[in-house]
Amino acid sequence: AGNSPPAGEKFLGCPYPSGDVWTTDVTHAPLSPNS
């Protein structure tokens, strides 16, 4: 019904742990050999 904080690569104002685990776009990531 109103405004809210913008959503980004944050968890309620805190960063996600840096690295390629939680917030990396995997649109073009290679498949597992056993997919």
PDB file of all heavy atoms in Angstrom:
ATOM      1  N   ALA A   1       0.818  -1.203   0.000  1.00  0.00           N
ATOM      2  CA  ALA A   1       0.000   0.000   0.000  1.00  0.00           C
ATOM      3  C   ALA A   1       0.855   1.259   0.000  1.00  0.00           C
ATOM      4  O   ALA A   1       0.338   2.366  -0.075  1.00  0.00           O
ATOM      5  CB  ALA A   1      -0.929   0.002   1.216  1.00  0.00           C
ATOM      6  N   GLY A   2       2.155   1.125   0.118  1.00  0.00           N
ATOM      7  CA  GLY A   2       3.015   2.299   0.171  1.00  0.00           C
ATOM      8  C   GLY A   2       4.415   1.981  -0.278  1.00  0.00           C
ATOM      9  O   GLY A   2       4.654   1.030  -1.006  1.00  0.00           O
ATOM     10  N   ASN A   3       5.358   2.784   0.172  1.00  0.00           N
ATOM     11  CA  ASN A   3       6.744   2.611  -0.237  1.00  0.00           C
ATOM     12  C   ASN A   3       7.454   1.618   0.659  1.00  0.00           C
ATOM     13  O   ASN A   3       7.097   1.415   1.813  1.00  0.00           O
ATOM     14  CB  ASN A   3       7.482   3.952  -0.191  1.00  0.00           C
ATOM     15  CG  ASN A   3       6.915   4.934  -1.198  1.00  0.00           C
ATOM     16  OD1 ASN A   3       6.534   4.550  -2.289  1.00  0.00           O
ATOM     17  ND2 ASN A   3       6.850   6.202  -0.823  1.00  0.00           N
ATOM     18  N   SER A   4       8.489   1.006   0.149  1.00  0.00           N
ATOM     19  CA  SER A   4       9.320   0.096   0.928  1.00  0.00           C
ATOM     20  C   SER A   4      10.747   0.253   0.454  1.00  0.00           C
ATOM     21  O   SER A   4      10.997   0.762  -0.633  1.00  0.00           O
ATOM     22  CB  SER A   4       8.848  -1.353   0.766  1.00  0.00           C
ATOM     23  OG  SER A   4       8.975  -1.752  -0.576  1.00  0.00           O
ATOM     24  N   PRO A   5      11.704  -0.178   1.258  1.00  0.00           N
ATOM     25  CA  PRO A   5      13.105  -0.058   0.843  1.00  0.00           C
ATOM     26  C   PRO A   5      13.361  -0.798  -0.456  1.00  0.00           C
ATOM     27  O   PRO A   5      12.764  -1.846  -0.720  1.00  0.00           O
ATOM     28  CB  PRO A   5      13.868  -0.710   2.009  1.00  0.00           C
ATOM     29  CG  PRO A   5      12.931  -0.632   3.165  1.00  0.00           C
ATOM     30  CD  PRO A   5      11.560  -0.767   2.574  1.00  0.00           C
ATOM     31  N   PRO A   6      14.209  -0.265  -1.313  1.00  0.00           N
ATOM     32  CA  PRO A   6      14.500  -0.952  -2.570  1.00  0.00           C
ATOM     33  C   PRO A   6      15.166  -2.291  -2.328  1.00  0.00           C
ATOM     34  O   PRO A   6      15.961  -2.452  -1.398  1.00  0.00           O
ATOM     35  CB  PRO A   6      15.448   0.013  -3.294  1.00  0.00           C
ATOM     36  CG  PRO A   6      16.060   0.819  -2.193  1.00  0.00           C
ATOM     37  CD  PRO A   6      15.002   0.951  -1.156  1.00  0.00           C
ATOM     38  N   ALA A   7      14.828  -3.273  -3.125  1.00  0.00           N
ATOM     39  CA  ALA A   7      15.431  -4.600  -2.995  1.00  0.00           C
ATOM     40  C   ALA A   7      16.664  -4.672  -3.882  1.00  0.00           C
ATOM     41  O   ALA A   7      16.635  -4.269  -5.032  1.00  0.00           O
ATOM     42  CB  ALA A   7      14.432  -5.685  -3.392  1.00  0.00           C
ATOM     43  N   GLY A   8      17.734  -5.172  -3.377  1.00  0.00           N
ATOM     44  CA  GLY A   8      18.949  -5.336  -4.155  1.00  0.00           C
ATOM     45  C   GLY A   8      19.710  -6.518  -3.623  1.00  0.00           C
ATOM     46  O   GLY A   8      19.120  -7.450  -3.089  1.00  0.00           O
ATOM     47  N   GLU A   9      20.991  -6.494  -3.736  1.00  0.00           N
ATOM     48  CA  GLU A   9      21.805  -7.587  -3.230  1.00  0.00           C
ATOM     49  C   GLU A   9      22.112  -7.361  -1.765  1.00  0.00           C
ATOM     50  O   GLU A   9      23.259  -7.333  -1.342  1.00  0.00           O
ATOM     51  CB  GLU A   9      23.069  -7.716  -4.075  1.00  0.00           C
ATOM     52  CG  GLU A   9      22.771  -8.150  -5.501  1.00  0.00           C
ATOM     53  CD  GLU A   9      24.022  -8.349  -6.308  1.00  0.00           C
ATOM     54  OE1 GLU A   9      25.119  -8.280  -5.729  1.00  0.00           O
ATOM     55  OE2 GLU A   9      23.910  -8.576  -7.521  1.00  0.00           O
ATOM     56  N   LYS A  10      21.051  -7.184  -0.995  1.00  0.00           N
ATOM     57  CA  LYS A  10      21.161  -6.943   0.440  1.00  0.00           C
ATOM     58  C   LYS A  10      20.173  -7.841   1.160  1.00  0.00           C
ATOM     59  O   LYS A  10      19.125  -8.215   0.633  1.00  0.00           O
ATOM     60  CB  LYS A  10      20.854  -5.477   0.775  1.00  0.00           C
ATOM     61  CG  LYS A  10      21.860  -4.468   0.240  1.00  0.00           C
ATOM     62  CD  LYS A  10      23.132  -4.486   1.068  1.00  0.00           C
ATOM     63  CE  LYS A  10      24.093  -3.396   0.628  1.00  0.00           C
ATOM     64  NZ  LYS A  10      25.334  -3.404   1.444  1.00  0.00           N
ATOM     65  N   PHE A  11      20.504  -8.155   2.405  1.00  0.00           N
ATOM     66  CA  PHE A  11      19.593  -8.904   3.260  1.00  0.00           C
ATOM     67  C   PHE A  11      19.191  -7.971   4.396  1.00  0.00           C
ATOM     68  O   PHE A  11      19.926  -7.788   5.350  1.00  0.00           O
ATOM     69  CB  PHE A  11      20.272 -10.167   3.799  1.00  0.00           C
ATOM     70  CG  PHE A  11      19.441 -10.917   4.808  1.00  0.00           C
ATOM     71  CD1 PHE A  11      18.261 -11.524   4.421  1.00  0.00           C
ATOM     72  CD2 PHE A  11      19.828 -11.000   6.127  1.00  0.00           C
ATOM     73  CE1 PHE A  11      17.485 -12.208   5.344  1.00  0.00           C
ATOM     74  CE2 PHE A  11      19.070 -11.686   7.059  1.00  0.00           C
ATOM     75  CZ  PHE A  11      17.893 -12.286   6.669  1.00  0.00           C
ATOM     76  N   LEU A  12      18.034  -7.298   4.221  1.00  0.00           N
ATOM     77  CA  LEU A  12      17.531  -6.354   5.222  1.00  0.00           C
ATOM     78  C   LEU A  12      18.597  -5.327   5.613  1.00  0.00           C
ATOM     79  O   LEU A  12      18.809  -5.042   6.782  1.00  0.00           O
ATOM     80  CB  LEU A  12      17.019  -7.112   6.449  1.00  0.00           C
ATOM     81  CG  LEU A  12      15.782  -7.978   6.192  1.00  0.00           C
ATOM     82  CD1 LEU A  12      15.452  -8.833   7.407  1.00  0.00           C
ATOM     83  CD2 LEU A  12      14.584  -7.108   5.821  1.00  0.00           C
ATOM     84  N   GLY A  13      19.259  -4.776   4.616  1.00  0.00           N
ATOM     85  CA  GLY A  13      20.264  -3.758   4.850  1.00  0.00           C
ATOM     86  C   GLY A  13      21.670  -4.279   5.054  1.00  0.00           C
ATOM     87  O   GLY A  13      22.619  -3.502   5.078  1.00  0.00           O
ATOM     88  N   CYS A  14      21.809  -5.580   5.210  1.00  0.00           N
ATOM     89  CA  CYS A  14      23.127  -6.188   5.398  1.00  0.00           C
ATOM     90  C   CYS A  14      23.563  -6.857   4.083  1.00  0.00           C
ATOM     91  O   CYS A  14      22.720  -7.253   3.286  1.00  0.00           O
ATOM     92  CB  CYS A  14      23.080  -7.232   6.512  1.00  0.00           C
ATOM     93  SG  CYS A  14      22.838  -6.527   8.163  1.00  0.00           S
ATOM     94  N   PRO A  15      24.863  -7.019   3.884  1.00  0.00           N
ATOM     95  CA  PRO A  15      25.319  -7.672   2.666  1.00  0.00           C
ATOM     96  C   PRO A  15      25.115  -9.179   2.738  1.00  0.00           C
ATOM     97  O   PRO A  15      25.107  -9.768   3.820  1.00  0.00           O
ATOM     98  CB  PRO A  15      26.815  -7.341   2.641  1.00  0.00           C
ATOM     99  CG  PRO A  15      27.189  -7.213   4.085  1.00  0.00           C
ATOM    100  CD  PRO A  15      25.995  -6.579   4.744  1.00  0.00           C
ATOM    101  N   TYR A  16      24.909  -9.789   1.577  1.00  0.00           N
ATOM    102  CA  TYR A  16      25.063 -11.231   1.522  1.00  0.00           C
ATOM    103  C   TYR A  16      26.560 -11.518   1.613  1.00  0.00           C
ATOM    104  O   TYR A  16      27.378 -10.708   1.168  1.00  0.00           O
ATOM    105  CB  TYR A  16      24.509 -11.789   0.215  1.00  0.00           C
ATOM    106  CG  TYR A  16      23.015 -11.979   0.214  1.00  0.00           C
ATOM    107  CD1 TYR A  16      22.161 -10.917  -0.044  1.00  0.00           C
ATOM    108  CD2 TYR A  16      22.460 -13.224   0.488  1.00  0.00           C
ATOM    109  CE1 TYR A  16      20.785 -11.087  -0.044  1.00  0.00           C
ATOM    110  CE2 TYR A  16      21.095 -13.403   0.505  1.00  0.00           C
ATOM    111  CZ  TYR A  16      20.254 -12.336   0.235  1.00  0.00           C
ATOM    112  OH  TYR A  16      18.891 -12.517   0.251  1.00  0.00           O
ATOM    113  N   PRO A  17      26.969 -12.648   2.191  1.00  0.00           N
ATOM    114  CA  PRO A  17      28.401 -12.961   2.230  1.00  0.00           C
ATOM    115  C   PRO A  17      28.985 -12.906   0.824  1.00  0.00           C
ATOM    116  O   PRO A  17      28.421 -13.468  -0.116  1.00  0.00           O
ATOM    117  CB  PRO A  17      28.442 -14.386   2.801  1.00  0.00           C
ATOM    118  CG  PRO A  17      27.172 -14.507   3.587  1.00  0.00           C
ATOM    119  CD  PRO A  17      26.160 -13.697   2.834  1.00  0.00           C
ATOM    120  N   SER A  18      30.071 -12.202   0.656  1.00  0.00           N
ATOM    121  CA  SER A  18      30.625 -12.004  -0.680  1.00  0.00           C
ATOM    122  C   SER A  18      31.086 -13.327  -1.274  1.00  0.00           C
ATOM    123  O   SER A  18      31.437 -14.264  -0.569  1.00  0.00           O
ATOM    124  CB  SER A  18      31.793 -11.022  -0.620  1.00  0.00           C
ATOM    125  OG  SER A  18      32.833 -11.521   0.208  1.00  0.00           O
ATOM    126  N   GLY A  19      31.088 -13.377  -2.587  1.00  0.00           N
ATOM    127  CA  GLY A  19      31.433 -14.614  -3.280  1.00  0.00           C
ATOM    128  C   GLY A  19      30.380 -14.940  -4.311  1.00  0.00           C
ATOM    129  O   GLY A  19      29.450 -14.181  -4.547  1.00  0.00           O
ATOM    130  N   ASP A  20      30.499 -16.106  -4.918  1.00  0.00           N
ATOM    131  CA  ASP A  20      29.608 -16.442  -6.023  1.00  0.00           C
ATOM    132  C   ASP A  20      28.522 -17.430  -5.611  1.00  0.00           C
ATOM    133  O   ASP A  20      28.027 -18.196  -6.426  1.00  0.00           O
ATOM    134  CB  ASP A  20      30.419 -17.022  -7.174  1.00  0.00           C
ATOM    135  CG  ASP A  20      31.165 -18.291  -6.780  1.00  0.00           C
ATOM    136  OD1 ASP A  20      31.125 -18.648  -5.595  1.00  0.00           O
ATOM    137  OD2 ASP A  20      31.767 -18.925  -7.653  1.00  0.00           O
ATOM    138  N   VAL A  21      28.128 -17.408  -4.348  1.00  0.00           N
ATOM    139  CA  VAL A  21      27.178 -18.412  -3.877  1.00  0.00           C
ATOM    140  C   VAL A  21      25.732 -17.950  -3.975  1.00  0.00           C
ATOM    141  O   VAL A  21      24.913 -18.581  -4.642  1.00  0.00           O
ATOM    142  CB  VAL A  21      27.505 -18.828  -2.424  1.00  0.00           C
ATOM    143  CG1 VAL A  21      26.486 -19.826  -1.919  1.00  0.00           C
ATOM    144  CG2 VAL A  21      28.895 -19.430  -2.367  1.00  0.00           C
ATOM    145  N   TRP A  22      25.373 -16.854  -3.319  1.00  0.00           N
ATOM    146  CA  TRP A  22      23.966 -16.498  -3.173  1.00  0.00           C
ATOM    147  C   TRP A  22      23.466 -15.535  -4.244  1.00  0.00           C
ATOM    148  O   TRP A  22      22.294 -15.598  -4.601  1.00  0.00           O
ATOM    149  CB  TRP A  22      23.706 -15.888  -1.797  1.00  0.00           C
ATOM    150  CG  TRP A  22      24.323 -16.635  -0.665  1.00  0.00           C
ATOM    151  CD1 TRP A  22      25.268 -16.181   0.212  1.00  0.00           C
ATOM    152  CD2 TRP A  22      24.070 -17.993  -0.276  1.00  0.00           C
ATOM    153  NE1 TRP A  22      25.612 -17.156   1.107  1.00  0.00           N
ATOM    154  CE2 TRP A  22      24.890 -18.274   0.832  1.00  0.00           C
ATOM    155  CE3 TRP A  22      23.224 -18.991  -0.765  1.00  0.00           C
ATOM    156  CZ2 TRP A  22      24.893 -19.525   1.466  1.00  0.00           C
ATOM    157  CZ3 TRP A  22      23.226 -20.225  -0.138  1.00  0.00           C
ATOM    158  CH2 TRP A  22      24.047 -20.480   0.969  1.00  0.00           C
ATOM    159  N   THR A  23      24.285 -14.620  -4.719  1.00  0.00           N
ATOM    160  CA  THR A  23      23.763 -13.524  -5.531  1.00  0.00           C
ATOM    161  C   THR A  23      24.324 -13.461  -6.948  1.00  0.00           C
ATOM    162  O   THR A  23      24.141 -12.470  -7.639  1.00  0.00           O
ATOM    163  CB  THR A  23      24.031 -12.178  -4.835  1.00  0.00           C
ATOM    164  OG1 THR A  23      25.436 -12.021  -4.608  1.00  0.00           O
ATOM    165  CG2 THR A  23      23.294 -12.096  -3.505  1.00  0.00           C
ATOM    166  N   THR A  24      24.986 -14.479  -7.406  1.00  0.00           N
ATOM    167  CA  THR A  24      25.503 -14.490  -8.772  1.00  0.00           C
ATOM    168  C   THR A  24      24.424 -14.945  -9.750  1.00  0.00           C
ATOM    169  O   THR A  24      23.746 -15.944  -9.527  1.00  0.00           O
ATOM    170  CB  THR A  24      26.719 -15.424  -8.882  1.00  0.00           C
ATOM    171  OG1 THR A  24      27.778 -14.891  -8.105  1.00  0.00           O
ATOM    172  CG2 THR A  24      27.170 -15.557 -10.328  1.00  0.00           C
ATOM    173  N   ASP A  25      24.269 -14.204 -10.824  1.00  0.00           N
ATOM    174  CA  ASP A  25      23.335 -14.575 -11.879  1.00  0.00           C
ATOM    175  C   ASP A  25      23.902 -15.799 -12.615  1.00  0.00           C
ATOM    176  O   ASP A  25      25.001 -15.758 -13.158  1.00  0.00           O
ATOM    177  CB  ASP A  25      23.168 -13.404 -12.852  1.00  0.00           C
ATOM    178  CG  ASP A  25      22.019 -13.611 -13.826  1.00  0.00           C
ATOM    179  OD1 ASP A  25      21.871 -14.743 -14.350  1.00  0.00           O
ATOM    180  OD2 ASP A  25      21.278 -12.655 -14.082  1.00  0.00           O
ATOM    181  N   VAL A  26      23.133 -16.889 -12.609  1.00  0.00           N
ATOM    182  CA  VAL A  26      23.609 -18.143 -13.211  1.00  0.00           C
ATOM    183  C   VAL A  26      22.877 -18.452 -14.511  1.00  0.00           C
ATOM    184  O   VAL A  26      22.820 -19.602 -14.941  1.00  0.00           O
ATOM    185  CB  VAL A  26      23.465 -19.322 -12.222  1.00  0.00           C
ATOM    186  CG1 VAL A  26      24.375 -19.131 -11.021  1.00  0.00           C
ATOM    187  CG2 VAL A  26      22.006 -19.511 -11.790  1.00  0.00           C
ATOM    188  N   THR A  27      22.338 -17.409 -15.160  1.00  0.00           N
ATOM    189  CA  THR A  27      21.598 -17.611 -16.405  1.00  0.00           C
ATOM    190  C   THR A  27      22.412 -18.407 -17.419  1.00  0.00           C
ATOM    191  O   THR A  27      21.878 -19.275 -18.124  1.00  0.00           O
ATOM    192  CB  THR A  27      21.197 -16.253 -17.009  1.00  0.00           C
ATOM    193  OG1 THR A  27      20.466 -15.496 -16.046  1.00  0.00           O
ATOM    194  CG2 THR A  27      20.348 -16.446 -18.251  1.00  0.00           C
ATOM    195  N   HIS A  28      23.699 -18.112 -17.508  1.00  0.00           N
ATOM    196  CA  HIS A  28      24.551 -18.770 -18.492  1.00  0.00           C
ATOM    197  C   HIS A  28      25.589 -19.692 -17.846  1.00  0.00           C
ATOM    198  O   HIS A  28      26.574 -20.058 -18.498  1.00  0.00           O
ATOM    199  CB  HIS A  28      25.254 -17.705 -19.349  1.00  0.00           C
ATOM    200  CG  HIS A  28      24.299 -16.766 -20.022  1.00  0.00           C
ATOM    201  ND1 HIS A  28      23.431 -17.168 -21.003  1.00  0.00           N
ATOM    202  CD2 HIS A  28      24.067 -15.436 -19.826  1.00  0.00           C
ATOM    203  CE1 HIS A  28      22.707 -16.129 -21.400  1.00  0.00           C
ATOM    204  NE2 HIS A  28      23.065 -15.075 -20.708  1.00  0.00           N
ATOM    205  N   ALA A  29      25.372 -20.065 -16.603  1.00  0.00           N
ATOM    206  CA  ALA A  29      26.327 -20.944 -15.921  1.00  0.00           C
ATOM    207  C   ALA A  29      26.327 -22.327 -16.561  1.00  0.00           C
ATOM    208  O   ALA A  29      25.291 -22.828 -17.017  1.00  0.00           O
ATOM    209  CB  ALA A  29      25.971 -21.051 -14.442  1.00  0.00           C
ATOM    210  N   PRO A  30      27.481 -22.993 -16.597  1.00  0.00           N
ATOM    211  CA  PRO A  30      27.537 -24.346 -17.182  1.00  0.00           C
ATOM    212  C   PRO A  30      26.762 -25.348 -16.337  1.00  0.00           C
ATOM    213  O   PRO A  30      26.643 -25.204 -15.114  1.00  0.00           O
ATOM    214  CB  PRO A  30      29.035 -24.657 -17.182  1.00  0.00           C
ATOM    215  CG  PRO A  30      29.619 -23.784 -16.114  1.00  0.00           C
ATOM    216  CD  PRO A  30      28.801 -22.525 -16.126  1.00  0.00           C
ATOM    217  N   LEU A  31      26.253 -26.362 -17.012  1.00  0.00           N
ATOM    218  CA  LEU A  31      25.486 -27.384 -16.323  1.00  0.00           C
ATOM    219  C   LEU A  31      26.411 -28.402 -15.674  1.00  0.00           C
ATOM    220  O   LEU A  31      27.530 -28.639 -16.124  1.00  0.00           O
ATOM    221  CB  LEU A  31      24.557 -28.101 -17.296  1.00  0.00           C
ATOM    222  CG  LEU A  31      23.496 -27.263 -18.005  1.00  0.00           C
ATOM    223  CD1 LEU A  31      22.584 -28.181 -18.816  1.00  0.00           C
ATOM    224  CD2 LEU A  31      22.696 -26.445 -17.018  1.00  0.00           C
ATOM    225  N   SER A  32      25.907 -29.034 -14.625  1.00  0.00           N
ATOM    226  CA  SER A  32      26.597 -30.166 -14.030  1.00  0.00           C
ATOM    227  C   SER A  32      26.608 -31.315 -15.037  1.00  0.00           C
ATOM    228  O   SER A  32      25.620 -31.531 -15.760  1.00  0.00           O
ATOM    229  CB  SER A  32      25.881 -30.604 -12.757  1.00  0.00           C
ATOM    230  OG  SER A  32      26.305 -31.875 -12.342  1.00  0.00           O
ATOM    231  N   PRO A  33      27.694 -32.085 -15.115  1.00  0.00           N
ATOM    232  CA  PRO A  33      27.731 -33.219 -16.052  1.00  0.00           C
ATOM    233  C   PRO A  33      26.598 -34.212 -15.828  1.00  0.00           C
ATOM    234  O   PRO A  33      26.185 -34.915 -16.758  1.00  0.00           O
ATOM    235  CB  PRO A  33      29.095 -33.854 -15.776  1.00  0.00           C
ATOM    236  CG  PRO A  33      29.919 -32.766 -15.180  1.00  0.00           C
ATOM    237  CD  PRO A  33      28.965 -31.926 -14.387  1.00  0.00           C
ATOM    238  N   ASN A  34      26.089 -34.286 -14.583  1.00  0.00           N
ATOM    239  CA  ASN A  34      25.024 -35.235 -14.263  1.00  0.00           C
ATOM    240  C   ASN A  34      23.655 -34.570 -14.179  1.00  0.00           C
ATOM    241  O   ASN A  34      22.724 -35.135 -13.596  1.00  0.00           O
ATOM    242  CB  ASN A  34      25.326 -35.930 -12.931  1.00  0.00           C
ATOM    243  CG  ASN A  34      26.538 -36.827 -13.002  1.00  0.00           C
ATOM    244  OD1 ASN A  34      26.787 -37.481 -14.020  1.00  0.00           O
ATOM    245  ND2 ASN A  34      27.314 -36.852 -11.933  1.00  0.00           N
ATOM    246  N   SER A  35      23.513 -33.407 -14.773  1.00  0.00           N
ATOM    247  CA  SER A  35      22.261 -32.659 -14.653  1.00  0.00           C
ATOM    248  C   SER A  35      21.046 -33.487 -15.047  1.00  0.00           C
ATOM    249  O   SER A  35      20.114 -33.651 -14.248  1.00  0.00           O
ATOM    250  CB  SER A  35      22.326 -31.392 -15.518  1.00  0.00           C
ATOM    251  OG  SER A  35      21.076 -30.733 -15.521  1.00  0.00           O
TER     252      SER A  35
END
